[in-house]
Amino acid sequence: MKLLPKTVTTEKLKTWPMVSKRGHIPIRTCISCGKRQSKIDLLRIVLNDKGYVVRDIDMKAEGRGAYVCTDISCLERLKIGNRLKRAFKREVFMEKEF
């Protein structure tokens, strides 16, 4: 079951420089389950200036980012363990309603 709708459509993907010139589709790995998927199928998360995890809807936020599946189970697994700390290489905080 998917939690979030896709934020980047296929039409928008075609305007990205790497895709439009070479037909290359970036592949990223979910930090929760380790599944490899195309960049548009994953949710990008970044840290804000206070160290809290926030969603990067446009996939253009500055700084270190990490990718996670939009499945509820993957998002729930982020709340336990050191997955976020390992991905961002620092201590991170997560709001309850993330």
PDB file of N, CA and C in Angstrom:
ATOM      1  N   MET A   1       0.836  -1.176   0.000  1.00  0.00           N
ATOM      2  CA  MET A   1       0.000   0.000   0.000  1.00  0.00           C
ATOM      3  C   MET A   1       0.880   1.239   0.000  1.00  0.00           C
ATOM      4  N   LYS A   2       0.585   2.171  -0.892  1.00  0.00           N
ATOM      5  CA  LYS A   2       1.348   3.405  -0.992  1.00  0.00           C
ATOM      6  C   LYS A   2       0.731   4.466  -0.099  1.00  0.00           C
ATOM      7  N   LEU A   3       1.572   5.232   0.564  1.00  0.00           N
ATOM      8  CA  LEU A   3       1.100   6.273   1.460  1.00  0.00           C
ATOM      9  C   LEU A   3       0.946   7.605   0.737  1.00  0.00           C
ATOM     10  N   LEU A   4       1.869   7.914  -0.159  1.00  0.00           N
ATOM     11  CA  LEU A   4       1.882   9.212  -0.801  1.00  0.00           C
ATOM     12  C   LEU A   4       1.744   9.077  -2.311  1.00  0.00           C
ATOM     13  N   PRO A   5       1.101  10.041  -2.971  1.00  0.00           N
ATOM     14  CA  PRO A   5       1.070  10.020  -4.428  1.00  0.00           C
ATOM     15  C   PRO A   5       2.428  10.410  -4.979  1.00  0.00           C
ATOM     16  N   LYS A   6       2.681  10.066  -6.228  1.00  0.00           N
ATOM     17  CA  LYS A   6       3.930  10.470  -6.853  1.00  0.00           C
ATOM     18  C   LYS A   6       3.958  11.984  -6.964  1.00  0.00           C
ATOM     19  N   THR A   7       5.081  12.582  -6.619  1.00  0.00           N
ATOM     20  CA  THR A   7       5.205  14.032  -6.692  1.00  0.00           C
ATOM     21  C   THR A   7       5.843  14.469  -8.005  1.00  0.00           C
ATOM     22  N   VAL A   8       6.576  13.592  -8.633  1.00  0.00           N
ATOM     23  CA  VAL A   8       7.216  13.910  -9.897  1.00  0.00           C
ATOM     24  C   VAL A   8       6.598  13.022 -10.964  1.00  0.00           C
ATOM     25  N   THR A   9       5.998  13.633 -11.940  1.00  0.00           N
ATOM     26  CA  THR A   9       5.341  12.872 -13.001  1.00  0.00           C
ATOM     27  C   THR A   9       6.333  12.495 -14.080  1.00  0.00           C
ATOM     28  N   THR A  10       5.923  11.592 -14.939  1.00  0.00           N
ATOM     29  CA  THR A  10       6.777  11.169 -16.041  1.00  0.00           C
ATOM     30  C   THR A  10       7.059  12.334 -16.978  1.00  0.00           C
ATOM     31  N   GLU A  11       6.070  13.212 -17.183  1.00  0.00           N
ATOM     32  CA  GLU A  11       6.271  14.375 -18.048  1.00  0.00           C
ATOM     33  C   GLU A  11       7.329  15.312 -17.475  1.00  0.00           C
ATOM     34  N   LYS A  12       7.291  15.504 -16.145  1.00  0.00           N
ATOM     35  CA  LYS A  12       8.288  16.358 -15.503  1.00  0.00           C
ATOM     36  C   LYS A  12       9.667  15.706 -15.560  1.00  0.00           C
ATOM     37  N   LEU A  13       9.698  14.377 -15.439  1.00  0.00           N
ATOM     38  CA  LEU A  13      10.964  13.653 -15.505  1.00  0.00           C
ATOM     39  C   LEU A  13      11.644  13.859 -16.853  1.00  0.00           C
ATOM     40  N   LYS A  14      10.865  13.943 -17.925  1.00  0.00           N
ATOM     41  CA  LYS A  14      11.441  14.117 -19.256  1.00  0.00           C
ATOM     42  C   LYS A  14      12.133  15.462 -19.424  1.00  0.00           C
ATOM     43  N   THR A  15      11.818  16.437 -18.569  1.00  0.00           N
ATOM     44  CA  THR A  15      12.456  17.751 -18.661  1.00  0.00           C
ATOM     45  C   THR A  15      13.773  17.808 -17.902  1.00  0.00           C
ATOM     46  N   TRP A  16      14.072  16.820 -17.070  1.00  0.00           N
ATOM     47  CA  TRP A  16      15.331  16.807 -16.348  1.00  0.00           C
ATOM     48  C   TRP A  16      16.460  16.604 -17.348  1.00  0.00           C
ATOM     49  N   PRO A  17      17.588  17.296 -17.182  1.00  0.00           N
ATOM     50  CA  PRO A  17      18.669  17.240 -18.171  1.00  0.00           C
ATOM     51  C   PRO A  17      19.185  15.837 -18.476  1.00  0.00           C
ATOM     52  N   MET A  18      19.388  15.006 -17.468  1.00  0.00           N
ATOM     53  CA  MET A  18      19.957  13.678 -17.710  1.00  0.00           C
ATOM     54  C   MET A  18      18.997  12.801 -18.506  1.00  0.00           C
ATOM     55  N   VAL A  19      17.712  12.945 -18.249  1.00  0.00           N
ATOM     56  CA  VAL A  19      16.731  12.100 -18.915  1.00  0.00           C
ATOM     57  C   VAL A  19      16.491  12.577 -20.339  1.00  0.00           C
ATOM     58  N   SER A  20      16.366  13.886 -20.521  1.00  0.00           N
ATOM     59  CA  SER A  20      16.037  14.413 -21.840  1.00  0.00           C
ATOM     60  C   SER A  20      17.172  14.240 -22.838  1.00  0.00           C
ATOM     61  N   LYS A  21      18.416  14.310 -22.388  1.00  0.00           N
ATOM     62  CA  LYS A  21      19.545  14.211 -23.313  1.00  0.00           C
ATOM     63  C   LYS A  21      19.965  12.775 -23.598  1.00  0.00           C
ATOM     64  N   ARG A  22      20.008  11.951 -22.571  1.00  0.00           N
ATOM     65  CA  ARG A  22      20.552  10.606 -22.747  1.00  0.00           C
ATOM     66  C   ARG A  22      19.552   9.495 -22.484  1.00  0.00           C
ATOM     67  N   GLY A  23      18.384   9.814 -21.997  1.00  0.00           N
ATOM     68  CA  GLY A  23      17.420   8.785 -21.670  1.00  0.00           C
ATOM     69  C   GLY A  23      17.764   8.057 -20.376  1.00  0.00           C
ATOM     70  N   HIS A  24      18.635   8.634 -19.579  1.00  0.00           N
ATOM     71  CA  HIS A  24      19.084   8.029 -18.326  1.00  0.00           C
ATOM     72  C   HIS A  24      18.055   8.274 -17.231  1.00  0.00           C
ATOM     73  N   ILE A  25      17.659   7.233 -16.505  1.00  0.00           N
ATOM     74  CA  ILE A  25      16.757   7.368 -15.375  1.00  0.00           C
ATOM     75  C   ILE A  25      17.542   7.032 -14.111  1.00  0.00           C
ATOM     76  N   PRO A  26      17.694   8.013 -13.196  1.00  0.00           N
ATOM     77  CA  PRO A  26      18.472   7.786 -11.980  1.00  0.00           C
ATOM     78  C   PRO A  26      17.839   6.723 -11.083  1.00  0.00           C
ATOM     79  N   ILE A  27      18.664   5.848 -10.536  1.00  0.00           N
ATOM     80  CA  ILE A  27      18.225   4.793  -9.625  1.00  0.00           C
ATOM     81  C   ILE A  27      18.759   5.135  -8.229  1.00  0.00           C
ATOM     82  N   ARG A  28      17.894   5.024  -7.213  1.00  0.00           N
ATOM     83  CA  ARG A  28      18.281   5.283  -5.838  1.00  0.00           C
ATOM     84  C   ARG A  28      17.864   4.102  -4.967  1.00  0.00           C
ATOM     85  N   THR A  29      18.433   4.005  -3.782  1.00  0.00           N
ATOM     86  CA  THR A  29      18.152   2.915  -2.858  1.00  0.00           C
ATOM     87  C   THR A  29      17.406   3.444  -1.645  1.00  0.00           C
ATOM     88  N   CYS A  30      16.353   2.749  -1.263  1.00  0.00           N
ATOM     89  CA  CYS A  30      15.582   3.104  -0.069  1.00  0.00           C
ATOM     90  C   CYS A  30      16.448   2.821   1.162  1.00  0.00           C
ATOM     91  N   ILE A  31      16.546   3.794   2.064  1.00  0.00           N
ATOM     92  CA  ILE A  31      17.373   3.594   3.261  1.00  0.00           C
ATOM     93  C   ILE A  31      16.689   2.694   4.275  1.00  0.00           C
ATOM     94  N   SER A  32      15.415   2.421   4.089  1.00  0.00           N
ATOM     95  CA  SER A  32      14.680   1.592   5.031  1.00  0.00           C
ATOM     96  C   SER A  32      14.726   0.110   4.656  1.00  0.00           C
ATOM     97  N   CYS A  33      14.381  -0.217   3.415  1.00  0.00           N
ATOM     98  CA  CYS A  33      14.307  -1.627   3.016  1.00  0.00           C
ATOM     99  C   CYS A  33      15.438  -2.052   2.084  1.00  0.00           C
ATOM    100  N   GLY A  34      16.138  -1.098   1.480  1.00  0.00           N
ATOM    101  CA  GLY A  34      17.246  -1.419   0.598  1.00  0.00           C
ATOM    102  C   GLY A  34      16.836  -1.710  -0.842  1.00  0.00           C
ATOM    103  N   LYS A  35      15.558  -1.550  -1.159  1.00  0.00           N
ATOM    104  CA  LYS A  35      15.088  -1.804  -2.518  1.00  0.00           C
ATOM    105  C   LYS A  35      15.547  -0.685  -3.441  1.00  0.00           C
ATOM    106  N   ARG A  36      16.026  -1.045  -4.629  1.00  0.00           N
ATOM    107  CA  ARG A  36      16.471  -0.070  -5.617  1.00  0.00           C
ATOM    108  C   ARG A  36      15.321   0.239  -6.564  1.00  0.00           C
ATOM    109  N   GLN A  37      15.027   1.535  -6.724  1.00  0.00           N
ATOM    110  CA  GLN A  37      13.942   1.973  -7.591  1.00  0.00           C
ATOM    111  C   GLN A  37      14.361   3.244  -8.315  1.00  0.00           C
ATOM    112  N   SER A  38      13.551   3.640  -9.296  1.00  0.00           N
ATOM    113  CA  SER A  38      13.840   4.896  -9.970  1.00  0.00           C
ATOM    114  C   SER A  38      13.602   6.049  -9.006  1.00  0.00           C
ATOM    115  N   LYS A  39      14.258   7.132  -9.263  1.00  0.00           N
ATOM    116  CA  LYS A  39      14.219   8.285  -8.379  1.00  0.00           C
ATOM    117  C   LYS A  39      12.799   8.825  -8.193  1.00  0.00           C
ATOM    118  N   ILE A  40      11.981   8.747  -9.232  1.00  0.00           N
ATOM    119  CA  ILE A  40      10.632   9.308  -9.134  1.00  0.00           C
ATOM    120  C   ILE A  40       9.701   8.451  -8.293  1.00  0.00           C
ATOM    121  N   ASP A  41      10.046   7.206  -8.046  1.00  0.00           N
ATOM    122  CA  ASP A  41       9.197   6.324  -7.250  1.00  0.00           C
ATOM    123  C   ASP A  41       9.494   6.400  -5.757  1.00  0.00           C
ATOM    124  N   LEU A  42      10.545   7.127  -5.381  1.00  0.00           N
ATOM    125  CA  LEU A  42      10.935   7.236  -3.984  1.00  0.00           C
ATOM    126  C   LEU A  42      10.688   8.641  -3.463  1.00  0.00           C
ATOM    127  N   LEU A  43      10.577   8.751  -2.163  1.00  0.00           N
ATOM    128  CA  LEU A  43      10.406  10.028  -1.492  1.00  0.00           C
ATOM    129  C   LEU A  43      11.771  10.504  -1.009  1.00  0.00           C
ATOM    130  N   ARG A  44      12.145  11.729  -1.355  1.00  0.00           N
ATOM    131  CA  ARG A  44      13.423  12.276  -0.914  1.00  0.00           C
ATOM    132  C   ARG A  44      13.207  13.029   0.390  1.00  0.00           C
ATOM    133  N   ILE A  45      14.067  12.772   1.350  1.00  0.00           N
ATOM    134  CA  ILE A  45      14.013  13.481   2.618  1.00  0.00           C
ATOM    135  C   ILE A  45      15.347  14.181   2.850  1.00  0.00           C
ATOM    136  N   VAL A  46      15.293  15.324   3.505  1.00  0.00           N
ATOM    137  CA  VAL A  46      16.491  16.103   3.816  1.00  0.00           C
ATOM    138  C   VAL A  46      16.369  16.599   5.253  1.00  0.00           C
ATOM    139  N   LEU A  47      17.444  17.162   5.762  1.00  0.00           N
ATOM    140  CA  LEU A  47      17.435  17.755   7.094  1.00  0.00           C
ATOM    141  C   LEU A  47      17.277  19.263   6.968  1.00  0.00           C
ATOM    142  N   ASN A  48      16.425  19.844   7.820  1.00  0.00           N
ATOM    143  CA  ASN A  48      16.346  21.295   7.839  1.00  0.00           C
ATOM    144  C   ASN A  48      17.466  21.839   8.717  1.00  0.00           C
ATOM    145  N   ASP A  49      17.510  23.139   8.900  1.00  0.00           N
ATOM    146  CA  ASP A  49      18.624  23.734   9.639  1.00  0.00           C
ATOM    147  C   ASP A  49      18.643  23.372  11.121  1.00  0.00           C
ATOM    148  N   LYS A  50      17.524  22.885  11.666  1.00  0.00           N
ATOM    149  CA  LYS A  50      17.466  22.481  13.075  1.00  0.00           C
ATOM    150  C   LYS A  50      17.722  20.984  13.265  1.00  0.00           C
ATOM    151  N   GLY A  51      17.961  20.268  12.178  1.00  0.00           N
ATOM    152  CA  GLY A  51      18.254  18.842  12.272  1.00  0.00           C
ATOM    153  C   GLY A  51      17.039  17.939  12.194  1.00  0.00           C
ATOM    154  N   TYR A  52      15.880  18.490  11.816  1.00  0.00           N
ATOM    155  CA  TYR A  52      14.660  17.684  11.684  1.00  0.00           C
ATOM    156  C   TYR A  52      14.519  17.177  10.253  1.00  0.00           C
ATOM    157  N   VAL A  53      14.001  15.971  10.123  1.00  0.00           N
ATOM    158  CA  VAL A  53      13.768  15.375   8.813  1.00  0.00           C
ATOM    159  C   VAL A  53      12.529  16.008   8.195  1.00  0.00           C
ATOM    160  N   VAL A  54      12.654  16.463   6.938  1.00  0.00           N
ATOM    161  CA  VAL A  54      11.524  17.037   6.212  1.00  0.00           C
ATOM    162  C   VAL A  54      11.463  16.413   4.816  1.00  0.00           C
ATOM    163  N   ARG A  55      10.267  16.395   4.246  1.00  0.00           N
ATOM    164  CA  ARG A  55      10.084  15.871   2.887  1.00  0.00           C
ATOM    165  C   ARG A  55      10.541  16.906   1.872  1.00  0.00           C
ATOM    166  N   ASP A  56      11.219  16.444   0.854  1.00  0.00           N
ATOM    167  CA  ASP A  56      11.662  17.307  -0.236  1.00  0.00           C
ATOM    168  C   ASP A  56      10.784  16.995  -1.443  1.00  0.00           C
ATOM    169  N   ILE A  57       9.654  17.670  -1.536  1.00  0.00           N
ATOM    170  CA  ILE A  57       8.663  17.372  -2.566  1.00  0.00           C
ATOM    171  C   ILE A  57       9.208  17.640  -3.971  1.00  0.00           C
ATOM    172  N   ASP A  58       9.924  18.752  -4.160  1.00  0.00           N
ATOM    173  CA  ASP A  58      10.436  19.114  -5.481  1.00  0.00           C
ATOM    174  C   ASP A  58      11.754  18.447  -5.829  1.00  0.00           C
ATOM    175  N   MET A  59      12.354  17.743  -4.873  1.00  0.00           N
ATOM    176  CA  MET A  59      13.645  17.072  -5.056  1.00  0.00           C
ATOM    177  C   MET A  59      14.752  18.045  -5.446  1.00  0.00           C
ATOM    178  N   LYS A  60      14.690  19.249  -4.882  1.00  0.00           N
ATOM    179  CA  LYS A  60      15.692  20.258  -5.211  1.00  0.00           C
ATOM    180  C   LYS A  60      16.287  20.926  -3.980  1.00  0.00           C
ATOM    181  N   ALA A  61      15.947  20.465  -2.805  1.00  0.00           N
ATOM    182  CA  ALA A  61      16.452  21.096  -1.588  1.00  0.00           C
ATOM    183  C   ALA A  61      17.964  20.899  -1.479  1.00  0.00           C
ATOM    184  N   GLU A  62      18.602  21.868  -0.863  1.00  0.00           N
ATOM    185  CA  GLU A  62      20.054  21.803  -0.694  1.00  0.00           C
ATOM    186  C   GLU A  62      20.422  20.816   0.399  1.00  0.00           C
ATOM    187  N   GLY A  63      21.623  20.347   0.324  1.00  0.00           N
ATOM    188  CA  GLY A  63      22.152  19.499   1.377  1.00  0.00           C
ATOM    189  C   GLY A  63      22.011  18.020   1.093  1.00  0.00           C
ATOM    190  N   ARG A  64      22.466  17.258   2.045  1.00  0.00           N
ATOM    191  CA  ARG A  64      22.458  15.802   1.927  1.00  0.00           C
ATOM    192  C   ARG A  64      21.034  15.288   1.967  1.00  0.00           C
ATOM    193  N   GLY A  65      20.709  14.421   1.055  1.00  0.00           N
ATOM    194  CA  GLY A  65      19.373  13.843   1.001  1.00  0.00           C
ATOM    195  C   GLY A  65      19.431  12.334   1.100  1.00  0.00           C
ATOM    196  N   ALA A  66      18.297  11.753   1.408  1.00  0.00           N
ATOM    197  CA  ALA A  66      18.158  10.300   1.454  1.00  0.00           C
ATOM    198  C   ALA A  66      16.820   9.954   0.827  1.00  0.00           C
ATOM    199  N   TYR A  67      16.704   8.737   0.363  1.00  0.00           N
ATOM    200  CA  TYR A  67      15.486   8.301  -0.313  1.00  0.00           C
ATOM    201  C   TYR A  67      14.846   7.158   0.447  1.00  0.00           C
ATOM    202  N   VAL A  68      13.507   7.164   0.474  1.00  0.00           N
ATOM    203  CA  VAL A  68      12.761   6.121   1.166  1.00  0.00           C
ATOM    204  C   VAL A  68      11.522   5.790   0.334  1.00  0.00           C
ATOM    205  N   CYS A  69      11.119   4.516   0.372  1.00  0.00           N
ATOM    206  CA  CYS A  69       9.895   4.088  -0.317  1.00  0.00           C
ATOM    207  C   CYS A  69       8.698   4.797   0.302  1.00  0.00           C
ATOM    208  N   THR A  70       7.626   4.888  -0.452  1.00  0.00           N
ATOM    209  CA  THR A  70       6.413   5.519   0.058  1.00  0.00           C
ATOM    210  C   THR A  70       5.498   4.518   0.748  1.00  0.00           C
ATOM    211  N   ASP A  71       5.957   3.290   0.936  1.00  0.00           N
ATOM    212  CA  ASP A  71       5.179   2.300   1.672  1.00  0.00           C
ATOM    213  C   ASP A  71       5.134   2.670   3.150  1.00  0.00           C
ATOM    214  N   ILE A  72       4.023   2.393   3.775  1.00  0.00           N
ATOM    215  CA  ILE A  72       3.863   2.708   5.189  1.00  0.00           C
ATOM    216  C   ILE A  72       4.889   1.963   6.040  1.00  0.00           C
ATOM    217  N   SER A  73       5.167   0.718   5.679  1.00  0.00           N
ATOM    218  CA  SER A  73       6.116  -0.070   6.473  1.00  0.00           C
ATOM    219  C   SER A  73       7.521   0.538   6.438  1.00  0.00           C
ATOM    220  N   CYS A  74       7.934   1.053   5.298  1.00  0.00           N
ATOM    221  CA  CYS A  74       9.261   1.669   5.205  1.00  0.00           C
ATOM    222  C   CYS A  74       9.319   2.962   6.010  1.00  0.00           C
ATOM    223  N   LEU A  75       8.265   3.743   5.961  1.00  0.00           N
ATOM    224  CA  LEU A  75       8.243   4.986   6.722  1.00  0.00           C
ATOM    225  C   LEU A  75       8.208   4.722   8.220  1.00  0.00           C
ATOM    226  N   GLU A  76       7.514   3.665   8.630  1.00  0.00           N
ATOM    227  CA  GLU A  76       7.471   3.318  10.052  1.00  0.00           C
ATOM    228  C   GLU A  76       8.831   2.835  10.546  1.00  0.00           C
ATOM    229  N   ARG A  77       9.567   2.111   9.699  1.00  0.00           N
ATOM    230  CA  ARG A  77      10.887   1.613  10.087  1.00  0.00           C
ATOM    231  C   ARG A  77      11.897   2.731  10.299  1.00  0.00           C
ATOM    232  N   LEU A  78      11.644   3.899   9.712  1.00  0.00           N
ATOM    233  CA  LEU A  78      12.564   5.020   9.908  1.00  0.00           C
ATOM    234  C   LEU A  78      12.570   5.494  11.354  1.00  0.00           C
ATOM    235  N   LYS A  79      11.444   5.300  12.042  1.00  0.00           N
ATOM    236  CA  LYS A  79      11.320   5.789  13.404  1.00  0.00           C
ATOM    237  C   LYS A  79      12.109   4.953  14.403  1.00  0.00           C
ATOM    238  N   ILE A  80      12.470   3.727  14.015  1.00  0.00           N
ATOM    239  CA  ILE A  80      13.240   2.864  14.911  1.00  0.00           C
ATOM    240  C   ILE A  80      14.613   2.622  14.309  1.00  0.00           C
ATOM    241  N   GLY A  81      15.558   2.370  15.114  1.00  0.00           N
ATOM    242  CA  GLY A  81      16.894   2.046  14.630  1.00  0.00           C
ATOM    243  C   GLY A  81      17.701   3.277  14.244  1.00  0.00           C
ATOM    244  N   ASN A  82      18.817   3.027  13.584  1.00  0.00           N
ATOM    245  CA  ASN A  82      19.760   4.085  13.224  1.00  0.00           C
ATOM    246  C   ASN A  82      19.795   4.383  11.732  1.00  0.00           C
ATOM    247  N   ARG A  83      18.738   4.076  11.018  1.00  0.00           N
ATOM    248  CA  ARG A  83      18.746   4.265   9.568  1.00  0.00           C
ATOM    249  C   ARG A  83      18.982   5.719   9.170  1.00  0.00           C
ATOM    250  N   LEU A  84      18.276   6.638   9.812  1.00  0.00           N
ATOM    251  CA  LEU A  84      18.434   8.057   9.481  1.00  0.00           C
ATOM    252  C   LEU A  84      19.790   8.588   9.912  1.00  0.00           C
ATOM    253  N   LYS A  85      20.232   8.185  11.082  1.00  0.00           N
ATOM    254  CA  LYS A  85      21.535   8.625  11.575  1.00  0.00           C
ATOM    255  C   LYS A  85      22.651   8.162  10.633  1.00  0.00           C
ATOM    256  N   ARG A  86      22.540   6.947  10.148  1.00  0.00           N
ATOM    257  CA  ARG A  86      23.540   6.405   9.223  1.00  0.00           C
ATOM    258  C   ARG A  86      23.487   7.122   7.875  1.00  0.00           C
ATOM    259  N   ALA A  87      22.283   7.409   7.388  1.00  0.00           N
ATOM    260  CA  ALA A  87      22.144   8.047   6.081  1.00  0.00           C
ATOM    261  C   ALA A  87      22.645   9.487   6.079  1.00  0.00           C
ATOM    262  N   PHE A  88      22.373  10.224   7.154  1.00  0.00           N
ATOM    263  CA  PHE A  88      22.763  11.627   7.210  1.00  0.00           C
ATOM    264  C   PHE A  88      24.091  11.863   7.916  1.00  0.00           C
ATOM    265  N   LYS A  89      24.652  10.805   8.489  1.00  0.00           N
ATOM    266  CA  LYS A  89      25.961  10.868   9.142  1.00  0.00           C
ATOM    267  C   LYS A  89      26.005  11.890  10.271  1.00  0.00           C
ATOM    268  N   ARG A  90      24.867  12.011  10.975  1.00  0.00           N
ATOM    269  CA  ARG A  90      24.780  12.888  12.144  1.00  0.00           C
ATOM    270  C   ARG A  90      23.504  12.569  12.898  1.00  0.00           C
ATOM    271  N   GLU A  91      23.358  13.134  14.072  1.00  0.00           N
ATOM    272  CA  GLU A  91      22.155  12.937  14.867  1.00  0.00           C
ATOM    273  C   GLU A  91      20.992  13.674  14.221  1.00  0.00           C
ATOM    274  N   VAL A  92      19.850  12.999  14.091  1.00  0.00           N
ATOM    275  CA  VAL A  92      18.686  13.602  13.452  1.00  0.00           C
ATOM    276  C   VAL A  92      17.476  13.494  14.375  1.00  0.00           C
ATOM    277  N   PHE A  93      16.492  14.347  14.116  1.00  0.00           N
ATOM    278  CA  PHE A  93      15.248  14.346  14.875  1.00  0.00           C
ATOM    279  C   PHE A  93      14.095  14.169  13.905  1.00  0.00           C
ATOM    280  N   MET A  94      13.034  13.527  14.389  1.00  0.00           N
ATOM    281  CA  MET A  94      11.893  13.245  13.534  1.00  0.00           C
ATOM    282  C   MET A  94      10.614  13.627  14.266  1.00  0.00           C
ATOM    283  N   GLU A  95       9.769  14.378  13.605  1.00  0.00           N
ATOM    284  CA  GLU A  95       8.491  14.760  14.205  1.00  0.00           C
ATOM    285  C   GLU A  95       7.558  13.568  14.205  1.00  0.00           C
ATOM    286  N   LYS A  96       6.592  13.563  15.110  1.00  0.00           N
ATOM    287  CA  LYS A  96       5.692  12.421  15.254  1.00  0.00           C
ATOM    288  C   LYS A  96       4.852  12.176  14.012  1.00  0.00           C
ATOM    289  N   GLU A  97       4.377  13.218  13.351  1.00  0.00           N
ATOM    290  CA  GLU A  97       3.476  13.039  12.212  1.00  0.00           C
ATOM    291  C   GLU A  97       4.188  12.988  10.874  1.00  0.00           C
ATOM    292  N   PHE A  98       5.455  12.687  10.867  1.00  0.00           N
ATOM    293  CA  PHE A  98       6.196  12.580   9.613  1.00  0.00           C
ATOM    294  C   PHE A  98       5.567  11.492   8.781  1.00  0.00           C
TER     295      PHE A  98
END
